[in-house]
PDB file of N, CA and C in Angstrom:
ATOM      1  N   MET A   1      21.988 -80.334  84.269  1.00  0.00           N
ATOM      2  CA  MET A   1      22.109 -79.036  83.258  1.00  0.00           C
ATOM      3  C   MET A   1      22.052 -79.498  81.917  1.00  0.00           C
ATOM      4  N   HIS A   2      21.071 -78.701  81.329  1.00  0.00           N
ATOM      5  CA  HIS A   2      20.719 -79.281  79.662  1.00  0.00           C
ATOM      6  C   HIS A   2      22.048 -78.668  78.937  1.00  0.00           C
ATOM      7  N   LYS A   3      22.163 -80.054  78.126  1.00  0.00           N
ATOM      8  CA  LYS A   3      23.025 -79.908  77.195  1.00  0.00           C
ATOM      9  C   LYS A   3      22.784 -79.134  75.966  1.00  0.00           C
ATOM     10  N   PRO A   4      23.871 -78.072  75.651  1.00  0.00           N
ATOM     11  CA  PRO A   4      23.048 -77.135  74.472  1.00  0.00           C
ATOM     12  C   PRO A   4      23.410 -77.884  73.058  1.00  0.00           C
ATOM     13  N   ASP A   5      24.274 -78.369  72.930  1.00  0.00           N
ATOM     14  CA  ASP A   5      24.413 -79.137  71.532  1.00  0.00           C
ATOM     15  C   ASP A   5      23.822 -80.686  71.384  1.00  0.00           C
ATOM     16  N   ILE A   6      23.039 -80.834  70.528  1.00  0.00           N
ATOM     17  CA  ILE A   6      22.545 -82.338  70.603  1.00  0.00           C
ATOM     18  C   ILE A   6      22.975 -82.737  69.003  1.00  0.00           C
ATOM     19  N   ASP A   7      23.622 -84.138  69.256  1.00  0.00           N
ATOM     20  CA  ASP A   7      24.038 -84.842  67.873  1.00  0.00           C
ATOM     21  C   ASP A   7      23.270 -85.670  67.376  1.00  0.00           C
ATOM     22  N   ILE A   8      22.617 -85.821  66.103  1.00  0.00           N
ATOM     23  CA  ILE A   8      21.658 -86.579  65.565  1.00  0.00           C
ATOM     24  C   ILE A   8      22.244 -86.981  64.238  1.00  0.00           C
ATOM     25  N   THR A   9      21.774 -88.024  63.704  1.00  0.00           N
ATOM     26  CA  THR A   9      22.309 -88.642  62.209  1.00  0.00           C
ATOM     27  C   THR A   9      21.384 -87.784  61.331  1.00  0.00           C
ATOM     28  N   HIS A  10      22.155 -88.080  60.205  1.00  0.00           N
ATOM     29  CA  HIS A  10      21.393 -87.680  59.144  1.00  0.00           C
ATOM     30  C   HIS A  10      19.949 -88.533  58.936  1.00  0.00           C
ATOM     31  N   GLU A  11      19.755 -89.578  59.230  1.00  0.00           N
ATOM     32  CA  GLU A  11      18.626 -90.473  58.988  1.00  0.00           C
ATOM     33  C   GLU A  11      17.444 -89.971  60.071  1.00  0.00           C
ATOM     34  N   THR A  12      17.905 -89.774  61.282  1.00  0.00           N
ATOM     35  CA  THR A  12      17.070 -89.351  62.363  1.00  0.00           C
ATOM     36  C   THR A  12      16.696 -87.844  61.864  1.00  0.00           C
ATOM     37  N   ALA A  13      17.180 -87.092  61.115  1.00  0.00           N
ATOM     38  CA  ALA A  13      16.640 -85.680  60.725  1.00  0.00           C
ATOM     39  C   ALA A  13      15.902 -85.850  59.528  1.00  0.00           C
ATOM     40  N   ARG A  14      16.047 -86.746  58.506  1.00  0.00           N
ATOM     41  CA  ARG A  14      15.102 -87.297  57.502  1.00  0.00           C
ATOM     42  C   ARG A  14      13.841 -87.783  58.038  1.00  0.00           C
ATOM     43  N   PHE A  15      14.151 -88.772  58.972  1.00  0.00           N
ATOM     44  CA  PHE A  15      12.816 -89.426  59.522  1.00  0.00           C
ATOM     45  C   PHE A  15      11.810 -88.213  60.446  1.00  0.00           C
ATOM     46  N   ARG A  16      12.389 -87.262  60.865  1.00  0.00           N
ATOM     47  CA  ARG A  16      11.669 -86.356  61.551  1.00  0.00           C
ATOM     48  C   ARG A  16      11.018 -85.327  60.827  1.00  0.00           C
ATOM     49  N   TRP A  17      11.745 -84.962  59.564  1.00  0.00           N
ATOM     50  CA  TRP A  17      11.281 -84.270  58.602  1.00  0.00           C
ATOM     51  C   TRP A  17       9.826 -84.707  57.893  1.00  0.00           C
ATOM     52  N   ASN A  18      10.483 -86.095  57.674  1.00  0.00           N
ATOM     53  CA  ASN A  18       9.155 -86.896  56.807  1.00  0.00           C
ATOM     54  C   ASN A  18       7.857 -87.253  57.501  1.00  0.00           C
ATOM     55  N   ARG A  19       8.079 -86.973  58.974  1.00  0.00           N
ATOM     56  CA  ARG A  19       7.071 -87.454  59.804  1.00  0.00           C
ATOM     57  C   ARG A  19       6.317 -86.243  60.165  1.00  0.00           C
ATOM     58  N   PHE A  20       6.943 -84.923  60.245  1.00  0.00           N
ATOM     59  CA  PHE A  20       6.083 -83.805  60.794  1.00  0.00           C
ATOM     60  C   PHE A  20       6.206 -82.585  59.876  1.00  0.00           C
ATOM     61  N   SER A  21       6.338 -82.699  58.661  1.00  0.00           N
ATOM     62  CA  SER A  21       6.730 -81.794  57.501  1.00  0.00           C
ATOM     63  C   SER A  21       5.343 -81.441  57.251  1.00  0.00           C
ATOM     64  N   ALA A  22       4.362 -82.721  56.912  1.00  0.00           N
ATOM     65  CA  ALA A  22       3.013 -82.500  56.476  1.00  0.00           C
ATOM     66  C   ALA A  22       2.149 -81.397  57.579  1.00  0.00           C
ATOM     67  N   THR A  23       2.817 -82.132  58.565  1.00  0.00           N
ATOM     68  CA  THR A  23       1.662 -81.459  59.991  1.00  0.00           C
ATOM     69  C   THR A  23       2.163 -79.869  60.107  1.00  0.00           C
ATOM     70  N   PHE A  24       3.158 -79.456  59.782  1.00  0.00           N
ATOM     71  CA  PHE A  24       3.691 -78.121  60.085  1.00  0.00           C
ATOM     72  C   PHE A  24       3.157 -77.147  58.529  1.00  0.00           C
ATOM     73  N   ALA A  25       2.932 -77.996  57.400  1.00  0.00           N
ATOM     74  CA  ALA A  25       2.572 -77.256  56.430  1.00  0.00           C
ATOM     75  C   ALA A  25       1.056 -77.047  56.528  1.00  0.00           C
ATOM     76  N   SER A  26       0.196 -78.168  56.789  1.00  0.00           N
ATOM     77  CA  SER A  26      -1.004 -77.899  56.823  1.00  0.00           C
ATOM     78  C   SER A  26      -1.434 -76.895  58.051  1.00  0.00           C
ATOM     79  N   GLU A  27      -0.662 -76.559  59.200  1.00  0.00           N
ATOM     80  CA  GLU A  27      -1.067 -75.817  60.017  1.00  0.00           C
ATOM     81  C   GLU A  27      -0.583 -74.516  59.664  1.00  0.00           C
ATOM     82  N   ILE A  28       0.428 -74.069  58.602  1.00  0.00           N
ATOM     83  CA  ILE A  28       0.532 -72.821  58.043  1.00  0.00           C
ATOM     84  C   ILE A  28      -0.555 -72.590  56.903  1.00  0.00           C
ATOM     85  N   ARG A  29      -0.873 -73.513  56.202  1.00  0.00           N
ATOM     86  CA  ARG A  29      -2.279 -73.125  55.312  1.00  0.00           C
ATOM     87  C   ARG A  29      -3.524 -73.063  56.075  1.00  0.00           C
ATOM     88  N   ARG A  30      -3.624 -73.386  57.308  1.00  0.00           N
ATOM     89  CA  ARG A  30      -5.018 -73.350  58.041  1.00  0.00           C
ATOM     90  C   ARG A  30      -4.847 -71.677  58.460  1.00  0.00           C
ATOM     91  N   SER A  31      -3.566 -71.309  59.036  1.00  0.00           N
ATOM     92  CA  SER A  31      -3.484 -70.101  59.443  1.00  0.00           C
ATOM     93  C   SER A  31      -3.269 -69.082  58.397  1.00  0.00           C
ATOM     94  N   ARG A  32      -2.946 -69.051  57.370  1.00  0.00           N
ATOM     95  CA  ARG A  32      -3.098 -68.375  55.987  1.00  0.00           C
ATOM     96  C   ARG A  32      -4.751 -68.185  55.608  1.00  0.00           C
ATOM     97  N   ALA A  33      -5.289 -69.493  55.533  1.00  0.00           N
ATOM     98  CA  ALA A  33      -6.481 -69.043  54.960  1.00  0.00           C
ATOM     99  C   ALA A  33      -7.415 -68.369  56.218  1.00  0.00           C
ATOM    100  N   ARG A  34      -7.099 -68.685  57.517  1.00  0.00           N
ATOM    101  CA  ARG A  34      -7.683 -67.854  58.516  1.00  0.00           C
ATOM    102  C   ARG A  34      -7.566 -66.302  58.425  1.00  0.00           C
ATOM    103  N   ALA A  35      -6.082 -65.948  57.876  1.00  0.00           N
ATOM    104  CA  ALA A  35      -5.887 -64.697  57.832  1.00  0.00           C
ATOM    105  C   ALA A  35      -6.360 -64.006  56.928  1.00  0.00           C
ATOM    106  N   ILE A  36      -6.566 -64.483  55.491  1.00  0.00           N
ATOM    107  CA  ILE A  36      -7.371 -64.381  54.438  1.00  0.00           C
ATOM    108  C   ILE A  36      -8.790 -64.124  54.869  1.00  0.00           C
ATOM    109  N   ARG A  37      -9.240 -64.758  55.534  1.00  0.00           N
ATOM    110  CA  ARG A  37     -11.100 -64.732  55.627  1.00  0.00           C
ATOM    111  C   ARG A  37     -11.115 -63.380  56.617  1.00  0.00           C
ATOM    112  N   PHE A  38     -10.205 -63.071  57.509  1.00  0.00           N
ATOM    113  CA  PHE A  38     -10.551 -62.283  58.651  1.00  0.00           C
ATOM    114  C   PHE A  38      -9.993 -60.780  57.875  1.00  0.00           C
ATOM    115  N   PHE A  39      -9.047 -61.077  57.145  1.00  0.00           N
ATOM    116  CA  PHE A  39      -8.105 -59.712  56.732  1.00  0.00           C
ATOM    117  C   PHE A  39      -8.196 -59.704  55.225  1.00  0.00           C
ATOM    118  N   PRO A  40      -9.289 -59.602  54.554  1.00  0.00           N
ATOM    119  CA  PRO A  40      -9.328 -59.588  53.003  1.00  0.00           C
ATOM    120  C   PRO A  40      -8.411 -58.615  52.259  1.00  0.00           C
ATOM    121  N   HIS A  41      -8.149 -57.460  52.854  1.00  0.00           N
ATOM    122  CA  HIS A  41      -7.119 -56.985  52.209  1.00  0.00           C
ATOM    123  C   HIS A  41      -5.379 -57.592  51.904  1.00  0.00           C
ATOM    124  N   LEU A  42      -5.294 -58.893  52.664  1.00  0.00           N
ATOM    125  CA  LEU A  42      -4.077 -59.308  52.444  1.00  0.00           C
ATOM    126  C   LEU A  42      -4.025 -60.453  51.203  1.00  0.00           C
ATOM    127  N   ARG A  43      -5.329 -60.283  50.258  1.00  0.00           N
ATOM    128  CA  ARG A  43      -5.688 -61.209  49.113  1.00  0.00           C
ATOM    129  C   ARG A  43      -4.825 -60.516  47.975  1.00  0.00           C
ATOM    130  N   TRP A  44      -4.240 -61.479  47.295  1.00  0.00           N
ATOM    131  CA  TRP A  44      -3.320 -60.962  45.865  1.00  0.00           C
ATOM    132  C   TRP A  44      -4.200 -61.543  44.581  1.00  0.00           C
ATOM    133  N   TYR A  45      -4.025 -60.890  43.797  1.00  0.00           N
ATOM    134  CA  TYR A  45      -4.316 -61.115  42.397  1.00  0.00           C
ATOM    135  C   TYR A  45      -3.408 -61.431  41.465  1.00  0.00           C
ATOM    136  N   LEU A  46      -3.415 -62.539  40.674  1.00  0.00           N
ATOM    137  CA  LEU A  46      -2.338 -62.975  39.825  1.00  0.00           C
ATOM    138  C   LEU A  46      -2.850 -62.852  38.568  1.00  0.00           C
ATOM    139  N   ASN A  47      -1.986 -62.205  37.687  1.00  0.00           N
ATOM    140  CA  ASN A  47      -2.270 -61.993  36.165  1.00  0.00           C
ATOM    141  C   ASN A  47      -1.259 -62.995  35.302  1.00  0.00           C
ATOM    142  N   GLU A  48      -1.748 -63.672  34.602  1.00  0.00           N
ATOM    143  CA  GLU A  48      -0.758 -64.672  33.830  1.00  0.00           C
ATOM    144  C   GLU A  48      -1.132 -64.588  32.462  1.00  0.00           C
ATOM    145  N   VAL A  49      -0.183 -64.521  31.532  1.00  0.00           N
ATOM    146  CA  VAL A  49      -0.317 -64.299  30.039  1.00  0.00           C
ATOM    147  C   VAL A  49       0.510 -65.071  29.391  1.00  0.00           C
ATOM    148  N   VAL A  50       0.424 -65.908  28.419  1.00  0.00           N
ATOM    149  CA  VAL A  50       1.172 -66.555  27.568  1.00  0.00           C
ATOM    150  C   VAL A  50       1.390 -66.015  26.454  1.00  0.00           C
ATOM    151  N   VAL A  51       2.870 -65.455  25.991  1.00  0.00           N
ATOM    152  CA  VAL A  51       3.182 -64.643  24.654  1.00  0.00           C
ATOM    153  C   VAL A  51       3.988 -65.627  23.834  1.00  0.00           C
ATOM    154  N   LYS A  52       3.975 -65.697  22.420  1.00  0.00           N
ATOM    155  CA  LYS A  52       4.587 -66.452  21.792  1.00  0.00           C
ATOM    156  C   LYS A  52       5.695 -65.288  20.910  1.00  0.00           C
ATOM    157  N   ILE A  53       6.787 -65.455  20.925  1.00  0.00           N
ATOM    158  CA  ILE A  53       7.836 -64.657  20.417  1.00  0.00           C
ATOM    159  C   ILE A  53       8.841 -65.485  19.504  1.00  0.00           C
ATOM    160  N   ASN A  54       8.909 -65.186  18.429  1.00  0.00           N
ATOM    161  CA  ASN A  54       9.809 -66.007  17.561  1.00  0.00           C
ATOM    162  C   ASN A  54       9.477 -67.439  17.838  1.00  0.00           C
ATOM    163  N   GLY A  55       8.283 -68.034  17.898  1.00  0.00           N
ATOM    164  CA  GLY A  55       7.971 -69.398  17.682  1.00  0.00           C
ATOM    165  C   GLY A  55       8.252 -70.058  19.421  1.00  0.00           C
ATOM    166  N   MET A  56       8.666 -69.297  20.258  1.00  0.00           N
ATOM    167  CA  MET A  56       8.870 -69.839  21.605  1.00  0.00           C
ATOM    168  C   MET A  56       7.966 -69.154  22.567  1.00  0.00           C
ATOM    169  N   LYS A  57       7.316 -69.816  23.264  1.00  0.00           N
ATOM    170  CA  LYS A  57       6.175 -69.674  24.244  1.00  0.00           C
ATOM    171  C   LYS A  57       6.772 -69.162  25.519  1.00  0.00           C
ATOM    172  N   TYR A  58       6.603 -68.006  26.080  1.00  0.00           N
ATOM    173  CA  TYR A  58       6.950 -67.380  27.543  1.00  0.00           C
ATOM    174  C   TYR A  58       5.812 -67.029  28.185  1.00  0.00           C
ATOM    175  N   GLN A  59       5.897 -67.599  29.434  1.00  0.00           N
ATOM    176  CA  GLN A  59       4.649 -67.059  30.445  1.00  0.00           C
ATOM    177  C   GLN A  59       5.107 -66.067  31.154  1.00  0.00           C
ATOM    178  N   LEU A  60       4.353 -64.806  31.128  1.00  0.00           N
ATOM    179  CA  LEU A  60       4.339 -63.462  31.832  1.00  0.00           C
ATOM    180  C   LEU A  60       3.483 -63.499  33.004  1.00  0.00           C
ATOM    181  N   ARG A  61       4.010 -63.205  34.224  1.00  0.00           N
ATOM    182  CA  ARG A  61       3.286 -63.297  35.621  1.00  0.00           C
ATOM    183  C   ARG A  61       3.466 -61.915  36.237  1.00  0.00           C
ATOM    184  N   ARG A  62       2.291 -61.499  36.700  1.00  0.00           N
ATOM    185  CA  ARG A  62       2.352 -60.425  37.667  1.00  0.00           C
ATOM    186  C   ARG A  62       1.512 -60.661  38.810  1.00  0.00           C
ATOM    187  N   ALA A  63       1.863 -60.525  39.959  1.00  0.00           N
ATOM    188  CA  ALA A  63       1.057 -60.331  40.884  1.00  0.00           C
ATOM    189  C   ALA A  63       0.891 -58.729  41.900  1.00  0.00           C
ATOM    190  N   ALA A  64      -0.494 -58.810  42.348  1.00  0.00           N
ATOM    191  CA  ALA A  64      -0.636 -57.595  42.501  1.00  0.00           C
ATOM    192  C   ALA A  64      -1.607 -57.354  43.797  1.00  0.00           C
ATOM    193  N   ALA A  65      -1.742 -56.544  44.820  1.00  0.00           N
ATOM    194  CA  ALA A  65      -2.284 -56.573  45.955  1.00  0.00           C
ATOM    195  C   ALA A  65      -3.753 -56.125  45.581  1.00  0.00           C
ATOM    196  N   LEU A  66      -4.785 -56.591  46.184  1.00  0.00           N
ATOM    197  CA  LEU A  66      -6.085 -55.966  45.905  1.00  0.00           C
ATOM    198  C   LEU A  66      -6.708 -54.722  46.741  1.00  0.00           C
ATOM    199  N   ASN A  67      -7.098 -53.838  46.187  1.00  0.00           N
ATOM    200  CA  ASN A  67      -7.442 -52.592  47.009  1.00  0.00           C
ATOM    201  C   ASN A  67      -8.983 -52.999  47.676  1.00  0.00           C
ATOM    202  N   GLU A  68      -9.357 -51.912  48.761  1.00  0.00           N
ATOM    203  CA  GLU A  68     -10.263 -52.550  49.722  1.00  0.00           C
ATOM    204  C   GLU A  68     -11.714 -52.527  48.697  1.00  0.00           C
ATOM    205  N   GLY A  69     -11.639 -52.196  47.392  1.00  0.00           N
ATOM    206  CA  GLY A  69     -12.962 -52.588  46.747  1.00  0.00           C
ATOM    207  C   GLY A  69     -13.077 -53.870  45.935  1.00  0.00           C
ATOM    208  N   GLY A  70     -11.746 -54.735  46.249  1.00  0.00           N
ATOM    209  CA  GLY A  70     -11.390 -55.827  45.536  1.00  0.00           C
ATOM    210  C   GLY A  70     -11.158 -55.962  44.245  1.00  0.00           C
ATOM    211  N   GLN A  71     -10.659 -54.676  43.749  1.00  0.00           N
ATOM    212  CA  GLN A  71      -9.905 -54.768  42.646  1.00  0.00           C
ATOM    213  C   GLN A  71      -8.431 -54.772  42.663  1.00  0.00           C
ATOM    214  N   PRO A  72      -7.556 -55.137  41.784  1.00  0.00           N
ATOM    215  CA  PRO A  72      -6.162 -55.161  41.504  1.00  0.00           C
ATOM    216  C   PRO A  72      -5.590 -53.910  41.598  1.00  0.00           C
ATOM    217  N   CYS A  73      -4.507 -53.585  42.469  1.00  0.00           N
ATOM    218  CA  CYS A  73      -4.185 -52.016  42.509  1.00  0.00           C
ATOM    219  C   CYS A  73      -3.432 -51.875  41.209  1.00  0.00           C
ATOM    220  N   ALA A  74      -3.248 -50.526  40.676  1.00  0.00           N
ATOM    221  CA  ALA A  74      -2.768 -50.195  39.386  1.00  0.00           C
ATOM    222  C   ALA A  74      -1.173 -50.358  39.721  1.00  0.00           C
ATOM    223  N   ALA A  75      -0.493 -50.938  38.940  1.00  0.00           N
ATOM    224  CA  ALA A  75       1.017 -51.054  38.884  1.00  0.00           C
ATOM    225  C   ALA A  75       1.873 -49.877  38.781  1.00  0.00           C
TER     226      ALA A  75
END
């Protein structure tokens, strides 16, 4: 019978993470790129502005989905 609980050390978990995390990340990137290529309505538009207020710089960011014409949707 299969044992439900598996005991592993912290080092084993770290080793496995370092070994396989790049593989998982590349697969996620590949699947996202494939989805965007076949479903262009899933693309997002990022608007970034740097504003200076009282000598301090602030970055303002806004993300908006693209409509069917490829233009950002109104907020």
